[in-house]
């Protein structure tokens, strides 16, 4: 019975850490939490999570064609629209973040909206 309690506490801690990492957007922390669950590090999961350069460029091109300069758009709406056209939602979110870092877009309203600048 004490082993069951210890296992329950361990699972709770691992799931809490994974959820915390997911909230912060940390891919590595959730992967390491998953590795501690399985007892070994599965690098193929990490490689599958990273999009290829071509996929990122294709997604950025979609975003540029969809958003005209000066338009303000709801982030959730554009992600859903891209997903309905076959784009991966996580890749779209990552492309948006990259475009914000490049200065092509700015985020507004705590990241719910974004505006294309150039």
Protein backbone atom coordinates (compact mmCIF):
# COMPACT_ATOMS: atom_id res chain seq x y z
CA UNK A 1 0.00 0.00 0.00
CA UNK A 2 2.85 2.42 0.70
CA UNK A 3 4.25 1.63 -2.75
CA UNK A 4 0.91 2.55 -4.28
CA UNK A 5 0.93 5.86 -2.45
CA UNK A 6 4.49 6.57 -3.51
CA UNK A 7 3.64 5.75 -7.13
CA UNK A 8 0.54 7.96 -7.01
CA UNK A 9 2.61 10.87 -5.68
CA UNK A 10 5.28 10.33 -8.34
CA UNK A 11 2.67 10.31 -11.12
CA UNK A 12 1.06 13.43 -9.70
CA UNK A 13 4.38 15.28 -9.63
CA UNK A 14 5.26 14.22 -13.17
CA UNK A 15 1.87 15.20 -14.57
CA UNK A 16 1.97 18.52 -12.72
CA UNK A 17 5.41 19.32 -14.11
CA UNK A 18 4.29 18.34 -17.64
CA UNK A 19 1.19 20.53 -17.38
CA UNK A 20 3.25 23.42 -16.07
CA UNK A 21 5.71 23.05 -18.93
CA UNK A 22 2.86 22.90 -21.46
CA UNK A 23 1.38 26.12 -20.04
CA UNK A 24 4.73 27.86 -20.46
CA UNK A 25 5.21 26.42 -23.93
CA UNK A 26 8.23 24.33 -22.95
CA UNK A 27 8.67 21.35 -25.25
CA UNK A 28 11.78 20.01 -23.54
CA UNK A 29 10.30 19.89 -20.06
CA UNK A 30 7.27 17.89 -21.12
CA UNK A 31 9.47 15.51 -23.09
CA UNK A 32 11.70 14.97 -20.07
CA UNK A 33 8.61 14.36 -17.95
CA UNK A 34 7.48 11.78 -20.49
CA UNK A 35 10.92 10.20 -20.42
CA UNK A 36 10.75 9.83 -16.65
CA UNK A 37 7.41 8.07 -17.05
CA UNK A 38 8.76 5.59 -19.56
CA UNK A 39 12.12 5.24 -17.91
CA UNK A 40 14.05 6.04 -21.11
CA UNK A 41 14.53 9.05 -23.31
CA UNK A 42 12.67 8.77 -26.60
CA UNK A 43 14.41 11.17 -29.00
CA UNK A 44 12.14 10.28 -31.92
CA UNK A 45 9.28 12.08 -30.18
CA UNK A 46 11.40 15.21 -29.92
CA UNK A 47 12.37 15.07 -33.60
CA UNK A 48 8.77 14.55 -34.67
CA UNK A 49 7.68 17.61 -32.69
CA UNK A 50 10.03 19.95 -34.58
CA UNK A 51 8.68 21.06 -37.95
CA UNK A 52 10.87 21.02 -41.03
CA UNK A 53 12.16 24.24 -42.53
CA UNK A 54 9.97 23.74 -45.60
CA UNK A 55 6.87 23.30 -43.45
CA UNK A 56 7.67 26.48 -41.52
CA UNK A 57 8.22 28.47 -44.74
CA UNK A 58 4.98 27.11 -46.21
CA UNK A 59 3.10 28.11 -43.05
CA UNK A 60 4.66 31.58 -42.98
CA UNK A 61 3.71 32.02 -46.64
CA UNK A 62 0.13 31.05 -45.82
CA UNK A 63 0.03 33.57 -42.97
CA UNK A 64 1.45 36.34 -45.17
CA UNK A 65 -1.05 35.63 -47.92
CA UNK A 66 -3.96 35.43 -45.49
CA UNK A 67 -3.06 38.58 -43.55
CA UNK A 68 -2.69 41.86 -45.38
CA UNK A 69 -0.43 44.53 -43.94
CA UNK A 70 -2.22 46.51 -41.22
CA UNK A 71 -4.94 43.94 -40.52
CA UNK A 72 -5.66 42.78 -36.96
CA UNK A 73 -6.79 39.17 -36.62
CA UNK A 74 -7.88 36.87 -33.80
CA UNK A 75 -5.09 34.32 -33.30
CA UNK A 76 -7.44 31.42 -32.54
CA UNK A 77 -9.46 32.07 -35.68
CA UNK A 78 -6.41 32.07 -37.96
CA UNK A 79 -5.05 28.90 -36.33
CA UNK A 80 -8.38 27.13 -36.82
CA UNK A 81 -8.56 28.32 -40.42
CA UNK A 82 -5.04 27.08 -41.12
CA UNK A 83 -5.80 23.74 -39.46
CA UNK A 84 -8.88 23.33 -41.65
CA UNK A 85 -6.62 23.78 -44.69
CA UNK A 86 -4.22 21.07 -43.56
CA UNK A 87 -1.65 23.04 -41.57
CA UNK A 88 -0.57 21.75 -38.18
CA UNK A 89 -1.84 24.07 -35.42
CA UNK A 90 1.40 23.88 -33.43
CA UNK A 91 3.41 24.80 -36.52
CA UNK A 92 1.09 27.76 -37.14
CA UNK A 93 1.56 28.96 -33.56
CA UNK A 94 5.33 28.59 -33.90
CA UNK A 95 5.31 30.46 -37.23
CA UNK A 96 3.33 33.29 -35.63
CA UNK A 97 5.86 33.48 -32.79
CA UNK A 98 8.74 33.58 -35.27
CA UNK A 99 7.06 36.29 -37.32
CA UNK A 100 6.54 38.33 -34.14
CA UNK A 101 10.24 37.93 -33.30
CA UNK A 102 11.18 39.02 -36.85
CA UNK A 103 9.05 42.13 -36.43
CA UNK A 104 6.56 41.18 -39.14
CA UNK A 105 3.69 41.05 -36.63
CA UNK A 106 2.88 42.43 -33.20
CA UNK A 107 0.76 40.78 -30.54
CA UNK A 108 -2.11 42.58 -28.85
CA UNK A 109 -4.56 41.84 -26.05
CA UNK A 110 -2.25 39.40 -24.23
CA UNK A 111 -1.48 37.46 -27.41
CA UNK A 112 -5.09 36.87 -28.44
CA UNK A 113 -4.85 39.23 -31.40
CA UNK A 114 -2.02 40.07 -33.71
CA UNK A 115 -1.39 42.69 -36.35
CA UNK A 116 0.72 42.29 -39.46
CA UNK A 117 3.15 45.18 -39.71
CA UNK A 118 5.22 44.32 -42.78
